[in-house]
Amino acid sequence: MDISEVNELWKKVKDELETSVPEHIFGTWITPLEAADFENNTLVILSPHPMAVDILKKNWTDNIKSAVKTVLGESTSFSLIYDPDYADKYIKARKKELSKIVAGQTQEEKNEQDAKLSLAQMQSSANLNLNLKFDNFVVGENSKFAYNAAFSVANNPSKKFNPLFIYGASGLGKTHLMQAIGHYIIFNKPQLKVRYIRMEEYFNEWVRCFQYNDSPNAKKKQVCNNSLMRKFHQKFQNVDILLMDDIQFIESKMKTMEDFFSTFEALYTNNKQIVIASDRLPKDIPTLDNRLRTRFEMGLVVDIVPPDYQTRFEIVKAYAYELGVEAEDDVFAYIADNFVNNVRELKGAFNKVSAYAEFSNTGVTLELAQRALNCEVRKREITIDKIAQAVAGYFDLTVKDLKSTARQQKIAHARHTAIYLARDILGLSYEAIGEFFDKKHTTVMYSCDLIAGKIKTDSSLETELEDIKACLRS
């Protein structure tokens, strides 16, 4: 089919979609889409934003499917994919479109349009999530100080609070605040260059600057590619604001610490803003170079703690609006009452409820939420003591072994597993788990991160966890 015909069909599908999708969802995620082909009764749709694919597939598949079938027939379907080439094309088209109307704009309007274009480009190059801004961060007593510090830095980068060090458990909003700083600066101070990166990505890029020397009659060794390293340093040192997430990943990586120290010094000496996020205080990061520790602590160190009930309620409610999913307040209250540790688990719980509603073709009600999440049964039947007993039995150990300071591989692995399951199944705080196992909360955090990381590549570990969960359910 000719591309012009495909575009005409897609226009009709979009017109149909506009009647069934909320205005803010349609404008943000559907308007930028483009149809690429219609073959074998499948409409191929391209997105310039990777996040749009996830959001639309998760929450609006039925609406798109219905619109496609209405326009193209019952036997048709669609395929929605992110396409980097189309992303580049989309940004260039937006730039050209803006240039046509710029002559009639005021300087203020020109600055605003330039900032919007910069924002799109930064999102593409630096992985800034367009949803993570100050205006959709739900501020509670748990995060008020951190929010105010972040907003102050965004308003006056490098003037005070440099570096800004934000710490707290996983899923409480550290990344949201960091990226909000980035978005705010790009929009309000477009002349400044912002870069956001996670320490794991920084480390991986640093490693790629080294190559193995395989010359004949020479012992194989790793050597630095000076050209690559020079570009690497330019990438991170020639910025005005560096947003470094998950700094705790640097622990035990001595060479990377040395390199990041030079980056930190170059930025700080040149009066550039540095914002760092971690799941723990600098003093609680094992093997952290003392030079880095003292520099992290010389600015402003702020924490984010788990949100209270009212804040959790507002977070779930705001998230439902963001997704365009309608639900009554009693649904938000139920989730807020049963998921108390972090923002991610609140959103995960609501995602599960909305998925149940979508699959059962019903509204999001309290009854459905109770059935989907089954919190009462979970709380009544499984305790941390039972988890410890199940894990100990699975590995032919005792609960006393798990609580001991023994470091034998078998005991350490079982201990990490028990701690992870207590967090995963019961959603207990790090402090509560640490109290049961006689461990510091930082040790608990390490165990959870360790198991969560290994699951991604170790299928046998995943099998172990499922076997233990099955044992608990029985």
Protein backbone atom coordinates (compact mmCIF):
# COMPACT_ATOMS: atom_id res chain seq x y z
CA MET A 1 0.00 0.00 0.00
CA ASP A 2 1.24 3.49 -0.86
CA ILE A 3 2.52 5.47 2.16
CA SER A 4 0.07 8.29 1.48
CA GLU A 5 -2.78 5.79 1.74
CA VAL A 6 -1.29 4.44 4.98
CA ASN A 7 -1.12 7.97 6.39
CA GLU A 8 -4.75 8.58 5.46
CA LEU A 9 -5.81 5.38 7.24
CA TRP A 10 -3.77 6.35 10.31
CA LYS A 11 -5.42 9.79 10.35
CA LYS A 12 -8.84 8.09 10.51
CA VAL A 13 -7.63 5.78 13.28
CA LYS A 14 -6.35 8.79 15.26
CA ASP A 15 -9.67 10.58 14.81
CA GLU A 16 -11.38 7.51 16.22
CA LEU A 17 -8.89 7.29 19.09
CA GLU A 18 -9.39 10.94 20.03
CA THR A 19 -12.95 10.14 21.11
CA SER A 20 -11.91 7.38 23.53
CA VAL A 21 -8.60 8.55 25.02
CA PRO A 22 -8.18 11.42 27.54
CA GLU A 23 -6.95 14.65 25.99
CA HIS A 24 -3.65 14.77 27.90
CA ILE A 25 -2.82 11.16 26.93
CA PHE A 26 -3.74 11.73 23.29
CA GLY A 27 -1.73 14.95 23.01
CA THR A 28 1.34 13.62 24.80
CA TRP A 29 1.68 10.06 23.49
CA ILE A 30 -0.54 9.51 20.42
CA THR A 31 -0.12 12.75 18.47
CA PRO A 32 3.63 12.12 17.78
CA LEU A 33 2.98 8.59 16.42
CA GLU A 34 3.36 7.86 12.72
CA ALA A 35 2.13 4.94 10.62
CA ALA A 36 4.87 3.24 8.59
CA ASP A 37 3.09 0.38 6.82
CA PHE A 38 -0.09 -1.66 6.52
CA GLU A 39 0.70 -5.20 5.51
CA ASN A 40 -0.82 -8.60 6.29
CA ASN A 41 -3.70 -6.79 8.00
CA THR A 42 -1.29 -5.21 10.51
CA LEU A 43 -0.89 -1.46 10.89
CA VAL A 44 2.74 -0.70 11.84
CA ILE A 45 2.97 2.41 14.05
CA LEU A 46 6.24 4.15 14.98
CA SER A 47 6.92 6.17 18.13
CA PRO A 48 9.72 8.74 18.66
CA HIS A 49 9.58 8.12 22.43
CA PRO A 50 10.47 4.68 23.90
CA MET A 51 8.41 5.44 27.01
CA ALA A 52 5.29 6.03 24.88
CA VAL A 53 5.41 2.42 23.70
CA ASP A 54 5.39 1.11 27.28
CA ILE A 55 2.62 3.44 28.48
CA LEU A 56 0.34 2.88 25.49
CA LYS A 57 0.79 -0.89 25.45
CA LYS A 58 0.22 -1.15 29.19
CA ASN A 59 -2.86 1.06 29.43
CA TRP A 60 -4.35 1.81 26.01
CA THR A 61 -3.94 -1.35 23.91
CA ASP A 62 -7.69 -2.03 23.82
CA ASN A 63 -8.49 1.53 22.72
CA ILE A 64 -5.95 1.42 19.88
CA LYS A 65 -7.06 -2.07 18.86
CA SER A 66 -10.71 -0.99 18.81
CA ALA A 67 -9.96 2.11 16.73
CA VAL A 68 -7.91 0.08 14.24
CA LYS A 69 -10.67 -2.52 13.87
CA THR A 70 -13.35 0.17 13.48
CA VAL A 71 -11.47 1.83 10.61
CA LEU A 72 -9.71 -1.13 8.98
CA GLY A 73 -11.94 -4.10 9.78
CA GLU A 74 -12.29 -6.82 12.43
CA SER A 75 -9.47 -8.98 11.06
CA THR A 76 -6.84 -6.26 11.49
CA SER A 77 -4.32 -5.62 14.25
CA PHE A 78 -1.50 -3.17 15.01
CA SER A 79 2.18 -3.19 15.94
CA LEU A 80 3.59 -0.29 17.99
CA ILE A 81 7.39 0.08 18.09
CA TYR A 82 10.02 2.66 19.02
CA ASP A 83 12.16 3.64 16.03
CA PRO A 84 15.39 5.66 16.60
CA ASP A 85 15.47 6.84 12.99
CA TYR A 86 11.94 8.17 13.27
CA ALA A 87 12.89 9.80 16.59
CA ASP A 88 15.65 11.77 14.80
CA LYS A 89 13.29 12.62 11.99
CA TYR A 90 10.61 13.76 14.44
CA ILE A 91 12.98 16.09 16.30
CA LYS A 92 14.22 17.61 13.03
CA ALA A 93 10.65 18.09 11.82
CA ARG A 94 9.69 19.80 15.09
CA LYS A 95 12.71 22.08 14.75
CA LYS A 96 11.75 23.00 11.19
CA GLU A 97 8.15 23.58 12.21
CA LEU A 98 9.23 25.87 15.02
CA SER A 99 11.54 27.84 12.73
CA LYS A 100 8.59 28.72 10.46
CA ILE A 101 6.74 30.53 13.22
CA VAL A 102 9.70 31.94 15.13
CA ALA A 103 9.70 35.24 13.16
CA GLY A 104 6.41 36.30 14.70
CA GLN A 105 7.30 35.34 18.25
CA THR A 106 8.41 37.45 21.14
CA GLN A 107 11.83 36.72 22.61
CA GLU A 108 10.16 35.02 25.57
CA GLU A 109 8.17 32.75 23.25
CA LYS A 110 11.32 31.96 21.26
CA ASN A 111 13.16 30.98 24.43
CA GLU A 112 10.28 28.74 25.44
CA GLN A 113 10.20 26.96 22.08
CA ASP A 114 13.99 26.53 22.08
CA ALA A 115 13.81 25.06 25.55
CA LYS A 116 11.12 22.59 24.50
CA LEU A 117 13.26 21.44 21.60
CA SER A 118 16.29 21.17 23.89
CA LEU A 119 14.21 19.13 26.29
CA ALA A 120 13.28 16.64 23.58
CA GLN A 121 16.90 16.39 22.47
CA MET A 122 18.14 15.94 26.04
CA GLN A 123 15.55 13.25 26.70
CA SER A 124 16.87 11.37 23.71
CA SER A 125 20.59 11.78 24.47
CA ALA A 126 20.66 11.68 28.28
CA ASN A 127 17.71 9.41 29.11
CA LEU A 128 15.77 12.10 30.92
CA ASN A 129 12.27 10.80 31.53
CA LEU A 130 9.79 13.44 30.39
CA ASN A 131 7.40 12.44 33.17
CA LEU A 132 9.84 13.20 35.99
CA LYS A 133 9.37 16.90 36.69
CA PHE A 134 8.84 19.08 39.74
CA ASP A 135 5.19 19.70 38.92
CA ASN A 136 4.25 16.02 39.19
CA PHE A 137 6.39 15.18 42.22
CA VAL A 138 4.05 14.62 45.17
CA VAL A 139 5.62 16.42 48.12
CA GLY A 140 5.04 15.04 51.62
CA GLU A 141 6.67 15.44 55.00
CA ASN A 142 8.98 12.59 53.99
CA SER A 143 10.43 14.51 51.03
CA LYS A 144 9.78 18.22 51.66
CA PHE A 145 13.36 19.10 52.61
CA ALA A 146 14.85 17.16 49.69
CA TYR A 147 12.34 18.73 47.27
CA ASN A 148 13.13 22.26 48.46
CA ALA A 149 16.87 21.60 48.19
CA ALA A 150 16.50 20.20 44.67
CA PHE A 151 14.33 23.12 43.56
CA SER A 152 16.83 25.59 45.02
CA VAL A 153 19.66 23.94 43.06
CA ALA A 154 17.57 24.00 39.87
CA ASN A 155 16.93 27.72 40.35
CA ASN A 156 20.51 28.61 41.22
CA PRO A 157 22.88 25.88 40.04
CA SER A 158 26.39 26.00 41.54
CA LYS A 159 25.50 29.01 43.73
CA LYS A 160 25.00 26.93 46.90
CA PHE A 161 24.39 23.34 47.93
CA ASN A 162 27.19 22.03 45.73
CA PRO A 163 27.34 19.10 45.65
CA LEU A 164 23.77 18.16 46.53
CA PHE A 165 23.71 14.58 47.85
CA ILE A 166 20.27 12.90 48.02
CA TYR A 167 20.03 9.56 49.78
CA GLY A 168 17.26 7.13 50.70
CA ALA A 169 15.98 3.64 50.02
CA SER A 170 15.12 2.50 46.53
CA GLY A 171 11.87 3.79 45.03
CA LEU A 172 11.35 6.91 47.15
CA GLY A 173 11.85 9.55 44.45
CA LYS A 174 15.58 10.34 44.33
CA THR A 175 15.76 9.83 40.58
CA HIS A 176 12.57 11.84 40.10
CA LEU A 177 14.09 14.84 41.89
CA MET A 178 17.39 14.55 40.01
CA GLN A 179 15.70 14.45 36.63
CA ALA A 180 13.33 17.23 37.66
CA ILE A 181 16.41 19.40 38.26
CA GLY A 182 17.61 18.53 34.76
CA HIS A 183 14.29 19.34 33.10
CA TYR A 184 13.87 22.60 35.00
CA ILE A 185 17.35 23.84 34.03
CA ILE A 186 16.94 22.85 30.38
CA PHE A 187 13.63 24.69 30.17
CA ASN A 188 14.58 27.79 32.18
CA LYS A 189 18.33 28.02 31.51
CA PRO A 190 18.73 26.49 28.03
CA GLN A 191 22.28 27.83 27.70
CA LEU A 192 23.45 25.37 30.37
CA LYS A 193 24.46 21.83 29.46
CA VAL A 194 22.97 19.06 31.60
CA ARG A 195 23.93 15.41 31.73
CA TYR A 196 22.20 12.66 33.71
CA ILE A 197 23.76 9.21 34.10
CA ARG A 198 23.72 6.27 36.47
CA MET A 199 27.06 5.23 37.96
CA GLU A 200 26.72 1.75 36.45
CA GLU A 201 26.51 3.32 32.98
CA TYR A 202 29.46 5.61 33.78
CA PHE A 203 31.48 2.57 34.83
CA ASN A 204 30.56 0.61 31.69
CA GLU A 205 31.55 3.52 29.45
CA TRP A 206 34.82 3.88 31.35
CA VAL A 207 35.58 0.16 30.85
CA ARG A 208 34.96 0.51 27.10
CA CYS A 209 37.84 2.99 26.99
CA PHE A 210 40.19 0.07 27.60
CA GLN A 211 41.17 -2.50 25.02
CA TYR A 212 43.10 -5.77 25.15
CA ASN A 213 46.54 -5.84 23.60
CA ASP A 214 46.76 -9.07 21.57
CA SER A 215 50.08 -8.43 19.85
CA PRO A 216 52.17 -11.54 19.05
CA ASN A 217 54.68 -12.73 21.66
CA ALA A 218 53.14 -10.33 24.18
CA LYS A 219 51.22 -11.19 27.28
CA LYS A 220 47.57 -10.29 26.88
CA LYS A 221 46.83 -7.16 28.87
CA GLN A 222 44.31 -4.39 29.06
CA VAL A 223 45.52 -0.99 27.82
CA CYS A 224 43.88 2.40 27.83
CA ASN A 225 42.74 3.85 24.50
CA ASN A 226 43.78 7.47 25.05
CA SER A 227 41.53 8.81 22.32
CA LEU A 228 38.44 7.12 23.76
CA MET A 229 39.36 8.19 27.28
CA ARG A 230 39.79 11.79 26.18
CA LYS A 231 36.31 11.79 24.62
CA PHE A 232 34.93 10.12 27.75
CA HIS A 233 36.32 12.85 30.00
CA GLN A 234 35.09 15.59 27.68
CA LYS A 235 31.61 14.10 27.76
CA PHE A 236 31.33 14.35 31.55
CA GLN A 237 33.61 17.26 32.37
CA ASN A 238 32.37 19.69 29.72
CA VAL A 239 28.93 20.09 31.30
CA ASP A 240 27.37 22.67 33.60
CA ILE A 241 25.28 20.26 35.65
CA LEU A 242 26.16 16.61 36.25
CA LEU A 243 23.41 14.42 37.70
CA MET A 244 24.99 11.17 38.95
CA ASP A 245 22.53 8.50 40.09
CA ASP A 246 23.20 5.33 42.12
CA ILE A 247 26.67 6.43 43.20
CA GLN A 248 26.86 3.43 45.55
CA PHE A 249 27.63 1.27 42.49
CA ILE A 250 31.16 2.71 42.59
CA GLU A 251 32.09 0.85 45.79
CA SER A 252 35.09 -1.48 45.47
CA LYS A 253 35.86 -0.16 41.96
CA MET A 254 39.09 1.59 42.91
CA LYS A 255 40.21 2.68 39.42
CA THR A 256 36.77 4.07 38.60
CA MET A 257 36.81 5.97 41.90
CA GLU A 258 40.08 7.60 40.90
CA ASP A 259 38.65 8.58 37.54
CA PHE A 260 35.41 9.94 38.99
CA PHE A 261 37.41 11.89 41.55
CA SER A 262 39.17 13.70 38.67
CA THR A 263 35.79 14.38 37.03
CA PHE A 264 34.37 15.69 40.31
CA GLU A 265 37.37 17.94 40.88
CA ALA A 266 37.27 19.32 37.33
CA LEU A 267 33.58 20.21 37.64
CA TYR A 268 33.76 21.59 41.16
CA THR A 269 36.86 23.67 40.45
CA ASN A 270 35.10 25.21 37.44
CA ASN A 271 32.04 26.04 39.56
CA LYS A 272 29.76 23.47 37.92
CA GLN A 273 26.81 21.94 39.77
CA ILE A 274 27.00 18.30 40.88
CA VAL A 275 23.98 16.35 42.13
CA ILE A 276 24.44 12.84 43.46
CA ALA A 277 21.91 10.20 44.53
CA SER A 278 22.56 7.09 46.60
CA ASP A 279 20.67 4.49 48.59
CA ARG A 280 22.81 5.28 51.64
CA LEU A 281 24.92 7.96 53.28
CA PRO A 282 28.50 8.45 52.01
CA LYS A 283 29.89 7.04 55.26
CA ASP A 284 27.80 3.87 54.76
CA ILE A 285 29.23 3.05 51.32
CA PRO A 286 31.91 0.41 51.96
CA THR A 287 35.37 1.03 50.45
CA LEU A 288 34.40 4.51 49.23
CA ASP A 289 37.55 6.58 48.75
CA ASN A 290 37.88 9.01 51.66
CA ARG A 291 38.55 11.90 49.26
CA LEU A 292 35.21 11.29 47.58
CA ARG A 293 33.43 10.78 50.90
CA THR A 294 34.55 14.12 52.30
CA ARG A 295 33.66 15.92 49.07
CA PHE A 296 30.19 14.38 48.99
CA GLU A 297 29.65 15.52 52.57
CA MET A 298 30.94 19.07 52.12
CA GLY A 299 27.81 20.22 50.26
CA LEU A 300 24.24 19.53 51.38
CA VAL A 301 23.20 15.98 52.28
CA VAL A 302 19.43 15.38 52.34
CA ASP A 303 17.37 12.24 52.78
CA ILE A 304 14.03 10.91 51.59
CA VAL A 305 12.18 8.48 53.84
CA PRO A 306 9.10 6.31 53.13
CA PRO A 307 5.96 8.45 52.65
CA ASP A 308 3.17 8.69 55.22
CA TYR A 309 -0.40 7.54 54.48
CA GLN A 310 -1.69 10.85 53.09
CA THR A 311 1.30 11.24 50.80
CA ARG A 312 0.94 7.64 49.58
CA PHE A 313 -2.74 8.32 48.83
CA GLU A 314 -1.88 11.41 46.79
CA ILE A 315 0.90 9.57 44.94
CA VAL A 316 -1.43 6.79 43.78
CA LYS A 317 -4.14 9.27 42.85
CA ALA A 318 -1.70 11.38 40.82
CA TYR A 319 -0.34 8.27 39.10
CA ALA A 320 -3.85 7.16 38.10
CA TYR A 321 -4.45 10.58 36.54
CA GLU A 322 -1.13 10.39 34.72
CA LEU A 323 -2.15 7.04 33.20
CA GLY A 324 -5.64 8.25 32.41
CA VAL A 325 -7.24 5.49 34.52
CA GLU A 326 -10.38 6.37 36.47
CA ALA A 327 -10.82 4.97 39.99
CA GLU A 328 -12.59 5.88 43.21
CA ASP A 329 -10.77 7.24 46.26
CA ASP A 330 -11.38 4.01 48.20
CA VAL A 331 -9.09 2.21 45.72
CA PHE A 332 -6.31 4.72 46.34
CA ALA A 333 -6.89 4.44 50.09
CA TYR A 334 -6.68 0.64 49.99
CA ILE A 335 -3.38 0.69 48.11
CA ALA A 336 -1.96 3.48 50.30
CA ASP A 337 -2.89 1.54 53.43
CA ASN A 338 -1.26 -1.72 52.33
CA PHE A 339 1.88 -0.62 50.45
CA VAL A 340 3.92 1.53 52.78
CA ASN A 341 7.58 1.39 51.78
CA ASN A 342 8.12 3.27 48.54
CA VAL A 343 6.65 4.89 45.47
CA ARG A 344 7.54 2.05 43.11
CA GLU A 345 5.50 -0.52 45.00
CA LEU A 346 2.55 1.90 45.14
CA LYS A 347 2.68 2.31 41.35
CA GLY A 348 3.24 -1.42 40.87
CA ALA A 349 0.16 -2.20 42.95
CA PHE A 350 -1.97 0.23 40.95
CA ASN A 351 -0.61 -1.15 37.68
CA LYS A 352 -1.68 -4.63 38.77
CA VAL A 353 -5.17 -3.43 39.69
CA SER A 354 -5.61 -1.51 36.42
CA ALA A 355 -4.37 -4.57 34.47
CA TYR A 356 -6.94 -6.77 36.23
CA ALA A 357 -9.62 -4.25 35.32
CA GLU A 358 -8.48 -4.16 31.70
CA PHE A 359 -8.33 -7.94 31.33
CA SER A 360 -11.71 -8.45 33.00
CA ASN A 361 -13.26 -5.53 31.11
CA THR A 362 -14.53 -3.86 34.30
CA GLY A 363 -13.96 -0.61 36.13
CA VAL A 364 -11.30 -0.09 38.79
CA THR A 365 -13.26 -0.73 42.00
CA LEU A 366 -12.34 -1.46 45.62
CA GLU A 367 -13.64 -5.01 45.27
CA LEU A 368 -11.44 -5.60 42.23
CA ALA A 369 -8.40 -4.06 43.99
CA GLN A 370 -8.91 -6.35 46.99
CA ARG A 371 -9.20 -9.37 44.73
CA ALA A 372 -6.15 -8.42 42.63
CA LEU A 373 -3.81 -7.56 45.50
CA ASN A 374 -5.13 -9.97 48.14
CA CYS A 375 -3.37 -7.99 50.86
CA GLU A 376 -5.38 -9.34 53.78
CA VAL A 377 -4.58 -12.98 52.97
CA ARG A 378 -0.93 -12.21 52.33
CA LYS A 379 -0.54 -10.39 55.64
CA ARG A 380 -2.38 -13.07 57.60
CA GLU A 381 -0.61 -16.11 56.21
CA ILE A 382 3.01 -15.10 55.67
CA THR A 383 5.33 -13.57 58.25
CA ILE A 384 9.03 -12.82 58.24
CA ASP A 385 9.56 -15.68 60.67
CA LYS A 386 7.87 -18.10 58.26
CA ILE A 387 9.99 -16.80 55.40
CA ALA A 388 13.16 -17.35 57.45
CA GLN A 389 12.04 -20.87 58.36
CA ALA A 390 11.17 -21.73 54.74
CA VAL A 391 14.52 -20.45 53.44
CA ALA A 392 16.48 -22.18 56.18
CA GLY A 393 14.68 -25.47 55.47
CA TYR A 394 15.22 -25.13 51.72
CA PHE A 395 18.98 -24.80 52.20
CA ASP A 396 19.15 -27.35 55.03
CA LEU A 397 20.09 -24.70 57.60
CA THR A 398 18.52 -23.17 60.71
CA VAL A 399 17.10 -19.70 61.31
CA LYS A 400 19.93 -19.24 63.81
CA ASP A 401 22.38 -19.75 60.91
CA LEU A 402 20.68 -16.98 58.95
CA LYS A 403 20.89 -14.58 61.89
CA SER A 404 24.52 -15.43 62.60
CA THR A 405 27.60 -13.58 61.37
CA ALA A 406 28.84 -16.67 59.50
CA ARG A 407 30.13 -15.86 56.00
CA GLN A 408 30.29 -19.30 54.43
CA GLN A 409 28.93 -19.09 50.90
CA LYS A 410 25.93 -21.33 51.56
CA ILE A 411 24.82 -19.41 54.66
CA ALA A 412 25.48 -16.00 53.11
CA HIS A 413 23.46 -16.89 50.01
CA ALA A 414 20.57 -18.21 52.11
CA ARG A 415 20.66 -15.07 54.27
CA HIS A 416 20.58 -12.79 51.19
CA THR A 417 17.66 -14.83 49.83
CA ALA A 418 15.64 -14.64 53.05
CA ILE A 419 16.18 -10.89 53.31
CA TYR A 420 15.18 -10.36 49.68
CA LEU A 421 11.99 -12.41 50.06
CA ALA A 422 11.02 -10.57 53.24
CA ARG A 423 11.26 -7.35 51.30
CA ASP A 424 9.66 -8.70 48.12
CA ILE A 425 6.72 -10.54 49.68
CA LEU A 426 5.93 -8.50 52.78
CA GLY A 427 7.21 -5.09 51.70
CA LEU A 428 8.83 -4.58 55.09
CA SER A 429 11.18 -1.67 55.70
CA TYR A 430 14.93 -2.26 55.66
CA GLU A 431 15.03 -1.39 59.34
CA ALA A 432 12.35 -3.97 60.25
CA ILE A 433 14.10 -6.72 58.28
CA GLY A 434 17.44 -5.77 59.80
CA GLU A 435 15.97 -5.96 63.29
CA PHE A 436 14.75 -9.53 62.68
CA PHE A 437 18.03 -10.76 61.21
CA ASP A 438 20.24 -8.74 63.60
CA LYS A 439 21.76 -6.82 60.69
CA LYS A 440 22.29 -3.16 59.83
CA HIS A 441 19.80 -1.66 57.38
CA THR A 442 22.66 -1.06 54.92
CA THR A 443 23.42 -4.81 54.98
CA VAL A 444 19.75 -5.49 54.23
CA MET A 445 19.83 -3.04 51.32
CA TYR A 446 22.94 -4.74 49.95
CA SER A 447 21.29 -8.18 50.13
CA CYS A 448 18.18 -6.96 48.32
CA ASP A 449 20.22 -5.26 45.57
CA LEU A 450 22.46 -8.32 45.21
CA ILE A 451 19.61 -10.80 44.69
CA ALA A 452 17.63 -8.40 42.47
CA GLY A 453 20.69 -8.04 40.24
CA LYS A 454 21.43 -11.74 40.05
CA ILE A 455 17.85 -12.67 39.13
CA LYS A 456 18.31 -10.96 35.76
CA THR A 457 21.01 -13.40 34.63
CA ASP A 458 20.71 -16.45 36.92
CA SER A 459 17.75 -18.65 36.03
CA SER A 460 18.62 -21.15 38.77
CA LEU A 461 18.24 -18.40 41.39
CA GLU A 462 14.85 -17.50 39.97
CA THR A 463 13.86 -21.17 40.29
CA GLU A 464 15.01 -21.21 43.93
CA LEU A 465 12.90 -18.18 44.75
CA GLU A 466 9.80 -19.61 43.07
CA ASP A 467 10.28 -22.92 44.90
CA ILE A 468 10.47 -21.13 48.27
CA LYS A 469 7.43 -18.99 47.44
CA ALA A 470 5.50 -22.11 46.47
CA CYS A 471 6.47 -23.64 49.81
CA LEU A 472 5.17 -20.57 51.63
CA ARG A 473 1.89 -20.62 49.74
CA SER A 474 1.33 -24.27 50.55
